[in-house]
Amino acid sequence: MAERLKTGTQQNWEERNYLSLGPNFRIDVGNPQMGIDGENVYNFYGVTNSKDQSSISLTQGGHLRILNDRTVEITAGNKSEEEGVDIALNSLNGSITITALSNGSVQIKGKNIILDAAEDIDIKAGRNIKLTAGTTIDMEAIEIKVDGLFGNVIETVLGTFGTQVFSLTSFAGDVAGLAANNIGIGGAIGAATNVAGTFAWGYERCQISLL
């Protein structure tokens, strides 16, 4: 950051070059007046008839500013190769921040969108998060944790209560049928009872672990 001039130090106005090209545009080079990040190296300034202003400036502290009262549009790639990189934003040592103030939204659209982080990706919403896919949503991890699991997720993973009850009795009936061919009717009934009881105990334990 550039140091401010000491009190009483004379500003060098002779090195300043000021070029006015009509009432709507000017170029100011070497303005010795101090800004937030030092003196301006240069400043391009324009104003519309409706008093909408824009400026591009570079300070002695190395800060480049682009300010505009209305829309800023960046378009590239009309003659580029297909699927090439037309616009690149690179921050070599710092961060990149995209902020929409007030009620604005941030939209990212494309054929494919890839989020690639060397460490973590955090998604935080003050209200809801909705994931919609035309075919499949895949999640792969060593461990997946879901806090407050309820609703359709339970039914999808474990099935409804009625489905599980009937599936248990059906499975027990299959066991009974197999056992009847080997150990007789009495043994088959005992085998089916033991299987149904074991699965019911396991289901109860499973329900408790999800609460």
N, C-alpha and C. Protein backbone atom coordinates (compact mmCIF):
# COMPACT_ATOMS: atom_id res chain seq x y z
N MET A 1 0.84 -1.20 0.00
CA MET A 1 0.00 0.00 0.00
C MET A 1 0.88 1.25 0.00
N ALA A 2 0.54 2.20 -0.83
CA ALA A 2 1.35 3.42 -0.93
C ALA A 2 1.22 4.25 0.33
N GLU A 3 2.35 4.91 0.69
CA GLU A 3 2.34 5.74 1.87
C GLU A 3 1.78 7.12 1.54
N ARG A 4 1.03 7.71 2.46
CA ARG A 4 0.47 9.02 2.27
C ARG A 4 1.56 10.09 2.44
N LEU A 5 1.37 11.17 1.75
CA LEU A 5 2.32 12.27 1.88
C LEU A 5 2.25 12.87 3.28
N LYS A 6 3.38 13.22 3.83
CA LYS A 6 3.41 13.83 5.15
C LYS A 6 2.79 15.22 5.10
N THR A 7 2.26 15.62 6.23
CA THR A 7 1.63 16.95 6.31
C THR A 7 2.64 18.03 5.97
N GLY A 8 2.27 18.91 5.07
CA GLY A 8 3.17 19.99 4.69
C GLY A 8 4.02 19.67 3.48
N THR A 9 4.02 18.41 3.03
CA THR A 9 4.79 18.04 1.86
C THR A 9 4.11 18.59 0.61
N GLN A 10 4.87 19.21 -0.26
CA GLN A 10 4.30 19.82 -1.45
C GLN A 10 3.98 18.75 -2.49
N GLN A 11 2.78 18.82 -3.04
CA GLN A 11 2.37 17.89 -4.09
C GLN A 11 2.89 18.39 -5.43
N ASN A 12 3.36 17.47 -6.24
CA ASN A 12 3.93 17.82 -7.55
C ASN A 12 2.83 17.79 -8.61
N TRP A 13 2.28 18.96 -8.87
CA TRP A 13 1.22 19.07 -9.86
C TRP A 13 1.77 19.19 -11.28
N GLU A 14 3.06 19.47 -11.41
CA GLU A 14 3.64 19.67 -12.74
C GLU A 14 3.69 18.36 -13.54
N GLU A 15 3.76 17.23 -12.85
CA GLU A 15 3.84 15.94 -13.54
C GLU A 15 2.47 15.41 -13.93
N ARG A 16 1.44 16.14 -13.55
CA ARG A 16 0.09 15.70 -13.88
C ARG A 16 -0.25 16.06 -15.33
N ASN A 17 -0.89 15.12 -16.03
CA ASN A 17 -1.39 15.36 -17.38
C ASN A 17 -2.89 15.12 -17.39
N TYR A 18 -3.62 16.13 -17.78
CA TYR A 18 -5.08 16.08 -17.75
C TYR A 18 -5.60 16.36 -19.16
N LEU A 19 -6.32 15.39 -19.71
CA LEU A 19 -6.83 15.54 -21.07
C LEU A 19 -8.35 15.38 -21.06
N SER A 20 -9.04 16.42 -21.43
CA SER A 20 -10.50 16.39 -21.50
C SER A 20 -10.92 16.34 -22.96
N LEU A 21 -11.66 15.28 -23.31
CA LEU A 21 -12.14 15.11 -24.68
C LEU A 21 -13.66 15.32 -24.72
N GLY A 22 -14.05 16.54 -24.45
CA GLY A 22 -15.46 16.87 -24.42
C GLY A 22 -16.03 16.75 -23.01
N PRO A 23 -17.31 17.02 -22.87
CA PRO A 23 -17.92 17.04 -21.53
C PRO A 23 -18.16 15.65 -20.94
N ASN A 24 -17.98 14.58 -21.74
CA ASN A 24 -18.34 13.24 -21.25
C ASN A 24 -17.16 12.30 -21.00
N PHE A 25 -15.93 12.73 -21.33
CA PHE A 25 -14.80 11.81 -21.16
C PHE A 25 -13.52 12.59 -20.89
N ARG A 26 -12.70 12.03 -19.97
CA ARG A 26 -11.42 12.65 -19.68
C ARG A 26 -10.41 11.58 -19.25
N ILE A 27 -9.14 11.91 -19.42
CA ILE A 27 -8.03 11.06 -18.98
C ILE A 27 -7.17 11.87 -18.02
N ASP A 28 -6.94 11.30 -16.85
CA ASP A 28 -6.17 12.00 -15.81
C ASP A 28 -4.97 11.13 -15.45
N VAL A 29 -3.77 11.63 -15.68
CA VAL A 29 -2.54 10.86 -15.43
C VAL A 29 -1.69 11.59 -14.41
N GLY A 30 -1.20 10.87 -13.39
CA GLY A 30 -0.29 11.44 -12.41
C GLY A 30 -0.94 12.42 -11.46
N ASN A 31 -2.18 12.21 -11.11
CA ASN A 31 -2.84 13.10 -10.15
C ASN A 31 -2.22 12.89 -8.77
N PRO A 32 -1.61 13.93 -8.16
CA PRO A 32 -0.91 13.76 -6.89
C PRO A 32 -1.83 13.66 -5.67
N GLN A 33 -3.13 13.86 -5.87
CA GLN A 33 -4.05 13.75 -4.73
C GLN A 33 -4.14 12.30 -4.27
N MET A 34 -4.07 12.11 -2.94
CA MET A 34 -4.07 10.77 -2.37
C MET A 34 -5.47 10.18 -2.33
N GLY A 35 -5.57 8.94 -2.73
CA GLY A 35 -6.80 8.18 -2.57
C GLY A 35 -6.65 7.16 -1.45
N ILE A 36 -7.53 6.17 -1.43
CA ILE A 36 -7.47 5.14 -0.37
C ILE A 36 -6.19 4.33 -0.48
N ASP A 37 -5.72 4.08 -1.69
CA ASP A 37 -4.54 3.24 -1.89
C ASP A 37 -3.44 4.00 -2.62
N GLY A 38 -3.29 5.27 -2.28
CA GLY A 38 -2.22 6.05 -2.86
C GLY A 38 -2.68 6.93 -4.00
N GLU A 39 -1.74 7.60 -4.63
CA GLU A 39 -2.05 8.48 -5.76
C GLU A 39 -2.46 7.65 -6.98
N ASN A 40 -3.22 8.28 -7.86
CA ASN A 40 -3.61 7.62 -9.10
C ASN A 40 -2.48 7.68 -10.12
N VAL A 41 -2.14 6.53 -10.69
CA VAL A 41 -1.23 6.51 -11.82
C VAL A 41 -1.95 7.03 -13.06
N TYR A 42 -3.17 6.52 -13.27
CA TYR A 42 -4.01 7.03 -14.34
C TYR A 42 -5.48 6.80 -13.98
N ASN A 43 -6.34 7.52 -14.65
CA ASN A 43 -7.78 7.38 -14.47
C ASN A 43 -8.50 7.73 -15.76
N PHE A 44 -9.29 6.76 -16.25
CA PHE A 44 -10.18 7.02 -17.37
C PHE A 44 -11.58 7.24 -16.81
N TYR A 45 -12.17 8.36 -17.13
CA TYR A 45 -13.46 8.71 -16.53
C TYR A 45 -14.44 9.11 -17.62
N GLY A 46 -15.66 8.57 -17.52
CA GLY A 46 -16.71 8.93 -18.46
C GLY A 46 -18.03 9.11 -17.74
N VAL A 47 -18.87 9.96 -18.29
CA VAL A 47 -20.18 10.22 -17.71
C VAL A 47 -21.18 10.41 -18.84
N THR A 48 -22.37 9.81 -18.67
CA THR A 48 -23.40 9.94 -19.69
C THR A 48 -24.20 11.23 -19.48
N ASN A 49 -25.06 11.54 -20.42
CA ASN A 49 -25.92 12.71 -20.27
C ASN A 49 -26.91 12.55 -19.13
N SER A 50 -27.14 11.28 -18.73
CA SER A 50 -28.03 11.01 -17.59
C SER A 50 -27.27 10.94 -16.27
N LYS A 51 -25.99 11.33 -16.29
CA LYS A 51 -25.14 11.38 -15.10
C LYS A 51 -24.76 10.00 -14.57
N ASP A 52 -24.78 8.96 -15.43
CA ASP A 52 -24.25 7.66 -15.05
C ASP A 52 -22.75 7.66 -15.29
N GLN A 53 -21.97 7.32 -14.26
CA GLN A 53 -20.52 7.45 -14.31
C GLN A 53 -19.83 6.09 -14.40
N SER A 54 -18.64 6.13 -14.99
CA SER A 54 -17.78 4.95 -15.01
C SER A 54 -16.33 5.40 -14.99
N SER A 55 -15.46 4.55 -14.42
CA SER A 55 -14.04 4.89 -14.37
C SER A 55 -13.20 3.63 -14.28
N ILE A 56 -12.00 3.73 -14.85
CA ILE A 56 -10.98 2.69 -14.73
C ILE A 56 -9.72 3.38 -14.24
N SER A 57 -9.18 2.93 -13.12
CA SER A 57 -8.03 3.63 -12.54
C SER A 57 -7.03 2.65 -11.94
N LEU A 58 -5.78 3.09 -11.90
CA LEU A 58 -4.69 2.34 -11.27
C LEU A 58 -4.01 3.23 -10.25
N THR A 59 -3.85 2.72 -9.02
CA THR A 59 -3.22 3.50 -7.97
C THR A 59 -1.75 3.13 -7.82
N GLN A 60 -1.01 3.97 -7.11
CA GLN A 60 0.40 3.68 -6.83
C GLN A 60 0.55 2.44 -5.95
N GLY A 61 -0.51 2.08 -5.25
CA GLY A 61 -0.47 0.85 -4.45
C GLY A 61 -0.72 -0.40 -5.27
N GLY A 62 -0.94 -0.23 -6.60
CA GLY A 62 -1.12 -1.38 -7.48
C GLY A 62 -2.55 -1.88 -7.56
N HIS A 63 -3.51 -1.06 -7.14
CA HIS A 63 -4.91 -1.46 -7.12
C HIS A 63 -5.60 -0.97 -8.39
N LEU A 64 -6.10 -1.91 -9.20
CA LEU A 64 -6.84 -1.55 -10.40
C LEU A 64 -8.33 -1.60 -10.08
N ARG A 65 -9.02 -0.51 -10.37
CA ARG A 65 -10.45 -0.43 -10.07
C ARG A 65 -11.24 -0.20 -11.36
N ILE A 66 -12.34 -0.95 -11.49
CA ILE A 66 -13.30 -0.74 -12.57
C ILE A 66 -14.64 -0.46 -11.91
N LEU A 67 -15.14 0.74 -12.07
CA LEU A 67 -16.39 1.15 -11.44
C LEU A 67 -17.38 1.60 -12.51
N ASN A 68 -18.63 1.21 -12.36
CA ASN A 68 -19.65 1.61 -13.32
C ASN A 68 -21.01 1.67 -12.63
N ASP A 69 -21.77 2.70 -12.94
CA ASP A 69 -23.09 2.86 -12.32
C ASP A 69 -24.12 1.89 -12.86
N ARG A 70 -23.90 1.39 -14.06
CA ARG A 70 -24.86 0.48 -14.68
C ARG A 70 -24.21 -0.89 -14.93
N THR A 71 -24.63 -1.55 -16.00
CA THR A 71 -24.21 -2.92 -16.27
C THR A 71 -22.77 -2.98 -16.79
N VAL A 72 -22.03 -4.02 -16.37
CA VAL A 72 -20.71 -4.33 -16.91
C VAL A 72 -20.83 -5.67 -17.65
N GLU A 73 -20.48 -5.69 -18.92
CA GLU A 73 -20.62 -6.91 -19.73
C GLU A 73 -19.27 -7.30 -20.31
N ILE A 74 -18.93 -8.59 -20.17
CA ILE A 74 -17.69 -9.13 -20.75
C ILE A 74 -18.08 -10.29 -21.66
N THR A 75 -17.78 -10.18 -22.94
CA THR A 75 -18.13 -11.21 -23.91
C THR A 75 -16.89 -11.58 -24.72
N ALA A 76 -16.68 -12.89 -24.90
CA ALA A 76 -15.52 -13.34 -25.66
C ALA A 76 -15.84 -14.66 -26.35
N GLY A 77 -14.99 -15.03 -27.31
CA GLY A 77 -15.08 -16.36 -27.89
C GLY A 77 -15.85 -16.50 -29.18
N ASN A 78 -16.20 -15.40 -29.83
CA ASN A 78 -16.99 -15.50 -31.06
C ASN A 78 -16.25 -16.29 -32.15
N LYS A 79 -14.92 -16.18 -32.16
CA LYS A 79 -14.13 -16.89 -33.17
C LYS A 79 -13.16 -17.90 -32.56
N SER A 80 -13.39 -18.28 -31.31
CA SER A 80 -12.51 -19.23 -30.64
C SER A 80 -12.83 -20.66 -31.04
N GLU A 81 -11.90 -21.55 -30.76
CA GLU A 81 -12.13 -22.97 -31.00
C GLU A 81 -13.21 -23.48 -30.05
N GLU A 82 -13.96 -24.49 -30.52
CA GLU A 82 -15.03 -25.04 -29.70
C GLU A 82 -14.48 -25.65 -28.41
N GLU A 83 -15.16 -25.38 -27.30
CA GLU A 83 -14.80 -25.88 -25.97
C GLU A 83 -13.47 -25.33 -25.47
N GLY A 84 -12.98 -24.25 -26.07
CA GLY A 84 -11.77 -23.62 -25.57
C GLY A 84 -12.09 -22.71 -24.40
N VAL A 85 -11.05 -22.17 -23.76
CA VAL A 85 -11.22 -21.24 -22.65
C VAL A 85 -11.27 -19.83 -23.22
N ASP A 86 -12.39 -19.17 -23.10
CA ASP A 86 -12.56 -17.82 -23.64
C ASP A 86 -12.35 -16.75 -22.58
N ILE A 87 -12.78 -17.01 -21.35
CA ILE A 87 -12.62 -16.05 -20.26
C ILE A 87 -11.98 -16.79 -19.08
N ALA A 88 -10.87 -16.28 -18.59
CA ALA A 88 -10.17 -16.90 -17.47
C ALA A 88 -9.99 -15.89 -16.35
N LEU A 89 -10.40 -16.25 -15.15
CA LEU A 89 -10.17 -15.43 -13.96
C LEU A 89 -9.21 -16.20 -13.07
N ASN A 90 -8.02 -15.66 -12.86
CA ASN A 90 -7.00 -16.36 -12.09
C ASN A 90 -6.54 -15.49 -10.93
N SER A 91 -6.54 -16.04 -9.75
CA SER A 91 -5.98 -15.37 -8.58
C SER A 91 -4.80 -16.19 -8.11
N LEU A 92 -3.60 -15.64 -8.25
CA LEU A 92 -2.39 -16.42 -8.00
C LEU A 92 -2.15 -16.70 -6.52
N ASN A 93 -2.46 -15.75 -5.65
CA ASN A 93 -2.20 -15.94 -4.22
C ASN A 93 -3.40 -15.66 -3.32
N GLY A 94 -4.37 -14.93 -3.80
CA GLY A 94 -5.51 -14.56 -2.96
C GLY A 94 -6.77 -15.31 -3.32
N SER A 95 -7.90 -14.76 -2.92
CA SER A 95 -9.20 -15.38 -3.14
C SER A 95 -9.96 -14.66 -4.24
N ILE A 96 -11.05 -15.27 -4.70
CA ILE A 96 -11.97 -14.66 -5.66
C ILE A 96 -13.34 -14.60 -5.00
N THR A 97 -13.94 -13.42 -4.99
CA THR A 97 -15.24 -13.23 -4.36
C THR A 97 -16.23 -12.71 -5.39
N ILE A 98 -17.37 -13.38 -5.48
CA ILE A 98 -18.48 -12.93 -6.33
C ILE A 98 -19.67 -12.69 -5.41
N THR A 99 -20.14 -11.45 -5.36
CA THR A 99 -21.20 -11.08 -4.43
C THR A 99 -22.31 -10.36 -5.16
N ALA A 100 -23.54 -10.80 -4.94
CA ALA A 100 -24.71 -10.08 -5.46
C ALA A 100 -25.43 -9.48 -4.25
N LEU A 101 -25.35 -8.16 -4.13
CA LEU A 101 -25.97 -7.48 -3.00
C LEU A 101 -27.47 -7.33 -3.22
N SER A 102 -28.16 -6.87 -2.19
CA SER A 102 -29.59 -6.65 -2.24
C SER A 102 -30.30 -7.97 -2.54
N ASN A 103 -31.22 -7.97 -3.51
CA ASN A 103 -32.00 -9.17 -3.82
C ASN A 103 -31.52 -9.90 -5.06
N GLY A 104 -30.30 -9.63 -5.50
CA GLY A 104 -29.79 -10.25 -6.71
C GLY A 104 -29.44 -11.71 -6.52
N SER A 105 -29.33 -12.44 -7.63
CA SER A 105 -28.97 -13.86 -7.62
C SER A 105 -27.65 -14.05 -8.36
N VAL A 106 -26.96 -15.12 -8.04
CA VAL A 106 -25.73 -15.51 -8.75
C VAL A 106 -26.07 -16.75 -9.56
N GLN A 107 -25.94 -16.67 -10.88
CA GLN A 107 -26.27 -17.78 -11.76
C GLN A 107 -25.04 -18.24 -12.52
N ILE A 108 -24.83 -19.54 -12.55
CA ILE A 108 -23.75 -20.14 -13.32
C ILE A 108 -24.39 -21.17 -14.25
N LYS A 109 -24.28 -20.95 -15.57
CA LYS A 109 -24.92 -21.84 -16.53
C LYS A 109 -23.88 -22.35 -17.52
N GLY A 110 -24.04 -23.59 -17.94
CA GLY A 110 -23.14 -24.16 -18.91
C GLY A 110 -23.53 -25.59 -19.24
N LYS A 111 -22.94 -26.15 -20.29
CA LYS A 111 -23.19 -27.53 -20.66
C LYS A 111 -22.80 -28.45 -19.52
N ASN A 112 -21.66 -28.22 -18.94
CA ASN A 112 -21.19 -28.96 -17.77
C ASN A 112 -20.60 -27.98 -16.77
N ILE A 113 -20.85 -28.20 -15.51
CA ILE A 113 -20.30 -27.36 -14.45
C ILE A 113 -19.50 -28.26 -13.52
N ILE A 114 -18.25 -27.93 -13.30
CA ILE A 114 -17.36 -28.75 -12.48
C ILE A 114 -16.85 -27.90 -11.32
N LEU A 115 -17.05 -28.37 -10.10
CA LEU A 115 -16.47 -27.76 -8.92
C LEU A 115 -15.36 -28.67 -8.42
N ASP A 116 -14.14 -28.20 -8.48
CA ASP A 116 -12.98 -29.03 -8.14
C ASP A 116 -12.18 -28.32 -7.06
N ALA A 117 -12.16 -28.89 -5.86
CA ALA A 117 -11.43 -28.29 -4.74
C ALA A 117 -10.36 -29.25 -4.25
N ALA A 118 -9.18 -28.72 -3.94
CA ALA A 118 -8.10 -29.55 -3.41
C ALA A 118 -8.44 -30.05 -2.01
N GLU A 119 -9.30 -29.31 -1.29
CA GLU A 119 -9.66 -29.72 0.06
C GLU A 119 -11.17 -29.80 0.24
N ASP A 120 -11.83 -28.72 0.59
CA ASP A 120 -13.24 -28.77 0.97
C ASP A 120 -14.12 -27.94 0.04
N ILE A 121 -15.38 -28.36 -0.08
CA ILE A 121 -16.43 -27.58 -0.72
C ILE A 121 -17.56 -27.43 0.28
N ASP A 122 -17.88 -26.22 0.65
CA ASP A 122 -18.95 -25.95 1.62
C ASP A 122 -20.11 -25.27 0.90
N ILE A 123 -21.32 -25.82 1.08
CA ILE A 123 -22.53 -25.22 0.53
C ILE A 123 -23.45 -24.90 1.70
N LYS A 124 -23.79 -23.63 1.85
CA LYS A 124 -24.61 -23.18 2.98
C LYS A 124 -25.78 -22.37 2.47
N ALA A 125 -26.98 -22.69 2.94
CA ALA A 125 -28.18 -21.96 2.55
C ALA A 125 -28.94 -21.54 3.79
N GLY A 126 -29.49 -20.33 3.76
CA GLY A 126 -30.28 -19.86 4.89
C GLY A 126 -31.65 -20.49 4.95
N ARG A 127 -32.09 -21.11 3.84
CA ARG A 127 -33.40 -21.73 3.83
C ARG A 127 -33.32 -23.16 3.30
N ASN A 128 -33.37 -23.37 2.00
CA ASN A 128 -33.44 -24.72 1.44
C ASN A 128 -32.33 -24.97 0.43
N ILE A 129 -31.97 -26.25 0.25
CA ILE A 129 -31.08 -26.69 -0.81
C ILE A 129 -31.81 -27.77 -1.59
N LYS A 130 -31.93 -27.59 -2.90
CA LYS A 130 -32.66 -28.53 -3.74
C LYS A 130 -31.73 -29.07 -4.82
N LEU A 131 -31.66 -30.40 -4.94
CA LEU A 131 -30.86 -31.05 -5.97
C LEU A 131 -31.81 -31.77 -6.92
N THR A 132 -31.76 -31.46 -8.21
CA THR A 132 -32.62 -32.09 -9.19
C THR A 132 -31.77 -32.59 -10.34
N ALA A 133 -31.95 -33.84 -10.71
CA ALA A 133 -31.18 -34.44 -11.79
C ALA A 133 -32.12 -35.16 -12.75
N GLY A 134 -31.80 -35.12 -14.05
CA GLY A 134 -32.63 -35.78 -15.03
C GLY A 134 -32.55 -37.29 -14.96
N THR A 135 -31.42 -37.82 -14.49
CA THR A 135 -31.28 -39.28 -14.40
C THR A 135 -30.84 -39.73 -13.01
N THR A 136 -29.60 -39.47 -12.65
CA THR A 136 -29.05 -40.08 -11.44
C THR A 136 -28.31 -39.06 -10.60
N ILE A 137 -28.40 -39.20 -9.29
CA ILE A 137 -27.56 -38.46 -8.34
C ILE A 137 -26.69 -39.47 -7.62
N ASP A 138 -25.38 -39.40 -7.81
CA ASP A 138 -24.43 -40.33 -7.20
C ASP A 138 -23.68 -39.64 -6.07
N MET A 139 -23.51 -40.36 -4.96
CA MET A 139 -22.69 -39.87 -3.86
C MET A 139 -21.69 -40.96 -3.50
N GLU A 140 -20.41 -40.60 -3.55
CA GLU A 140 -19.36 -41.55 -3.23
C GLU A 140 -18.45 -40.95 -2.17
N ALA A 141 -18.28 -41.66 -1.08
CA ALA A 141 -17.44 -41.18 0.01
C ALA A 141 -17.11 -42.34 0.93
N ILE A 142 -16.05 -42.20 1.71
CA ILE A 142 -15.73 -43.20 2.73
C ILE A 142 -16.82 -43.25 3.78
N GLU A 143 -17.36 -42.08 4.11
CA GLU A 143 -18.42 -42.00 5.11
C GLU A 143 -19.39 -40.88 4.72
N ILE A 144 -20.69 -41.17 4.74
CA ILE A 144 -21.72 -40.19 4.44
C ILE A 144 -22.59 -40.01 5.68
N LYS A 145 -22.68 -38.77 6.17
CA LYS A 145 -23.45 -38.47 7.36
C LYS A 145 -24.64 -37.59 6.97
N VAL A 146 -25.82 -37.94 7.48
CA VAL A 146 -27.02 -37.15 7.25
C VAL A 146 -27.67 -36.88 8.59
N ASP A 147 -27.79 -35.60 8.94
CA ASP A 147 -28.39 -35.22 10.21
C ASP A 147 -29.87 -34.94 10.00
N GLY A 148 -30.73 -35.54 10.84
CA GLY A 148 -32.16 -35.33 10.72
C GLY A 148 -32.77 -36.11 9.58
N LEU A 149 -32.36 -37.37 9.40
CA LEU A 149 -32.85 -38.22 8.32
C LEU A 149 -34.31 -38.57 8.55
N PHE A 150 -35.17 -38.24 7.58
CA PHE A 150 -36.58 -38.57 7.71
C PHE A 150 -37.25 -38.50 6.35
N GLY A 151 -38.54 -38.87 6.32
CA GLY A 151 -39.33 -38.73 5.10
C GLY A 151 -39.00 -39.76 4.05
N ASN A 152 -38.95 -39.35 2.79
CA ASN A 152 -38.78 -40.27 1.68
C ASN A 152 -37.45 -41.00 1.70
N VAL A 153 -36.45 -40.41 2.36
CA VAL A 153 -35.15 -41.08 2.41
C VAL A 153 -35.26 -42.40 3.16
N ILE A 154 -35.99 -42.40 4.28
CA ILE A 154 -36.17 -43.63 5.05
C ILE A 154 -36.87 -44.68 4.21
N GLU A 155 -37.95 -44.30 3.53
CA GLU A 155 -38.71 -45.25 2.75
C GLU A 155 -37.91 -45.78 1.57
N THR A 156 -37.07 -44.93 1.01
CA THR A 156 -36.27 -45.35 -0.12
C THR A 156 -35.18 -46.34 0.30
N VAL A 157 -34.54 -46.05 1.43
CA VAL A 157 -33.44 -46.90 1.89
C VAL A 157 -33.95 -48.17 2.55
N LEU A 158 -34.94 -48.04 3.46
CA LEU A 158 -35.41 -49.19 4.23
C LEU A 158 -36.75 -49.74 3.76
N GLY A 159 -37.49 -48.93 2.97
CA GLY A 159 -38.83 -49.34 2.59
C GLY A 159 -39.83 -48.91 3.64
N THR A 160 -41.11 -48.89 3.29
CA THR A 160 -42.14 -48.53 4.26
C THR A 160 -42.27 -49.64 5.30
N PHE A 161 -42.95 -49.33 6.40
CA PHE A 161 -43.13 -50.31 7.46
C PHE A 161 -43.91 -51.52 6.94
N GLY A 162 -44.99 -51.25 6.17
CA GLY A 162 -45.80 -52.34 5.64
C GLY A 162 -45.00 -53.21 4.69
N THR A 163 -44.18 -52.56 3.85
CA THR A 163 -43.35 -53.32 2.91
C THR A 163 -42.39 -54.24 3.64
N GLN A 164 -41.78 -53.74 4.72
CA GLN A 164 -40.82 -54.56 5.46
C GLN A 164 -41.50 -55.71 6.19
N VAL A 165 -42.70 -55.45 6.74
CA VAL A 165 -43.42 -56.52 7.45
C VAL A 165 -43.78 -57.64 6.51
N PHE A 166 -44.34 -57.29 5.36
CA PHE A 166 -44.74 -58.32 4.41
C PHE A 166 -43.55 -59.01 3.78
N SER A 167 -42.44 -58.26 3.60
CA SER A 167 -41.25 -58.89 3.05
C SER A 167 -40.67 -59.89 4.03
N LEU A 168 -40.79 -59.60 5.34
CA LEU A 168 -40.31 -60.54 6.36
C LEU A 168 -41.15 -61.80 6.37
N THR A 169 -42.49 -61.65 6.33
CA THR A 169 -43.36 -62.83 6.35
C THR A 169 -43.20 -63.64 5.08
N SER A 170 -42.97 -62.95 3.95
CA SER A 170 -42.76 -63.66 2.70
C SER A 170 -41.48 -64.46 2.74
N PHE A 171 -40.41 -63.81 3.31
CA PHE A 171 -39.14 -64.52 3.42
C PHE A 171 -39.25 -65.71 4.36
N ALA A 172 -40.00 -65.51 5.47
CA ALA A 172 -40.20 -66.60 6.42
C ALA A 172 -40.96 -67.74 5.77
N GLY A 173 -41.93 -67.39 4.91
CA GLY A 173 -42.68 -68.43 4.21
C GLY A 173 -41.80 -69.22 3.27
N ASP A 174 -40.88 -68.52 2.60
CA ASP A 174 -39.94 -69.22 1.72
C ASP A 174 -39.07 -70.19 2.50
N VAL A 175 -38.61 -69.74 3.69
CA VAL A 175 -37.79 -70.60 4.53
C VAL A 175 -38.59 -71.82 4.97
N ALA A 176 -39.87 -71.58 5.30
CA ALA A 176 -40.72 -72.70 5.74
C ALA A 176 -40.90 -73.71 4.62
N GLY A 177 -41.07 -73.19 3.39
CA GLY A 177 -41.25 -74.11 2.27
C GLY A 177 -40.02 -74.95 2.03
N LEU A 178 -38.85 -74.36 2.15
CA LEU A 178 -37.62 -75.13 1.97
C LEU A 178 -37.43 -76.15 3.09
N ALA A 179 -37.77 -75.71 4.31
CA ALA A 179 -37.58 -76.60 5.44
C ALA A 179 -38.54 -77.77 5.41
N ALA A 180 -39.74 -77.56 4.89
CA ALA A 180 -40.74 -78.63 4.87
C ALA A 180 -40.28 -79.81 4.04
N ASN A 181 -39.52 -79.54 3.03
CA ASN A 181 -39.03 -80.62 2.18
C ASN A 181 -37.96 -81.45 2.86
N ASN A 182 -37.37 -80.92 3.92
CA ASN A 182 -36.25 -81.61 4.56
C ASN A 182 -36.56 -82.11 5.96
N ILE A 183 -37.27 -81.30 6.77
CA ILE A 183 -37.44 -81.68 8.17
C ILE A 183 -38.91 -81.82 8.55
N GLY A 184 -39.83 -81.76 7.61
CA GLY A 184 -41.23 -81.97 7.93
C GLY A 184 -41.94 -80.68 8.29
N ILE A 185 -43.29 -80.75 8.45
CA ILE A 185 -44.12 -79.59 8.70
C ILE A 185 -43.79 -78.95 10.04
N GLY A 186 -43.66 -79.73 11.09
CA GLY A 186 -43.39 -79.17 12.42
C GLY A 186 -42.09 -78.40 12.45
N GLY A 187 -41.03 -78.97 11.88
CA GLY A 187 -39.75 -78.29 11.85
C GLY A 187 -39.79 -77.04 11.00
N ALA A 188 -40.60 -77.08 9.92
CA ALA A 188 -40.71 -75.93 9.04
C ALA A 188 -41.34 -74.75 9.75
N ILE A 189 -42.39 -75.01 10.54
CA ILE A 189 -43.05 -73.93 11.28
C ILE A 189 -42.08 -73.30 12.27
N GLY A 190 -41.29 -74.11 12.95
CA GLY A 190 -40.32 -73.58 13.90
C GLY A 190 -39.25 -72.75 13.22
N ALA A 191 -38.80 -73.20 12.08
CA ALA A 191 -37.77 -72.45 11.35
C ALA A 191 -38.29 -71.10 10.88
N ALA A 192 -39.52 -71.08 10.36
CA ALA A 192 -40.10 -69.82 9.89
C ALA A 192 -40.30 -68.85 11.04
N THR A 193 -40.71 -69.35 12.20
CA THR A 193 -40.92 -68.48 13.37
C THR A 193 -39.61 -67.86 13.82
N ASN A 194 -38.55 -68.66 13.84
CA ASN A 194 -37.24 -68.14 14.26
C ASN A 194 -36.73 -67.07 13.29
N VAL A 195 -36.90 -67.30 11.99
CA VAL A 195 -36.43 -66.32 11.01
C VAL A 195 -37.19 -65.01 11.14
N ALA A 196 -38.53 -65.08 11.24
CA ALA A 196 -39.33 -63.87 11.37
C ALA A 196 -38.99 -63.11 12.63
N GLY A 197 -38.78 -63.81 13.73
CA GLY A 197 -38.43 -63.15 14.98
C GLY A 197 -37.08 -62.48 14.91
N THR A 198 -36.10 -63.12 14.27
CA THR A 198 -34.76 -62.54 14.14
C THR A 198 -34.78 -61.28 13.30
N PHE A 199 -35.50 -61.28 12.20
CA PHE A 199 -35.58 -60.09 11.34
C PHE A 199 -36.34 -58.97 12.02
N ALA A 200 -37.39 -59.30 12.78
CA ALA A 200 -38.13 -58.27 13.50
C ALA A 200 -37.26 -57.60 14.54
N TRP A 201 -36.41 -58.38 15.23
CA TRP A 201 -35.49 -57.81 16.22
C TRP A 201 -34.47 -56.90 15.55
N GLY A 202 -33.95 -57.36 14.39
CA GLY A 202 -32.99 -56.53 13.67
C GLY A 202 -33.61 -55.25 13.14
N TYR A 203 -34.85 -55.32 12.68
CA TYR A 203 -35.54 -54.12 12.17
C TYR A 203 -35.76 -53.11 13.29
N GLU A 204 -36.12 -53.62 14.48
CA GLU A 204 -36.33 -52.72 15.64
C GLU A 204 -35.05 -52.03 16.00
N ARG A 205 -33.92 -52.74 16.00
CA ARG A 205 -32.63 -52.14 16.29
C ARG A 205 -32.29 -51.07 15.24
N CYS A 206 -32.61 -51.35 13.98
CA CYS A 206 -32.32 -50.42 12.89
C CYS A 206 -33.12 -49.13 13.06
N GLN A 207 -34.42 -49.27 13.43
CA GLN A 207 -35.25 -48.10 13.62
C GLN A 207 -34.74 -47.24 14.77
N ILE A 208 -34.30 -47.88 15.83
CA ILE A 208 -33.77 -47.13 16.99
C ILE A 208 -32.51 -46.36 16.60
N SER A 209 -31.64 -46.98 15.78
CA SER A 209 -30.39 -46.31 15.41
C SER A 209 -30.61 -45.10 14.52
N LEU A 210 -31.76 -45.02 13.86
CA LEU A 210 -32.05 -43.89 12.98
C LEU A 210 -32.73 -42.75 13.69
N LEU A 211 -33.20 -42.95 14.93
CA LEU A 211 -33.89 -41.89 15.67
C LEU A 211 -32.89 -40.94 16.29
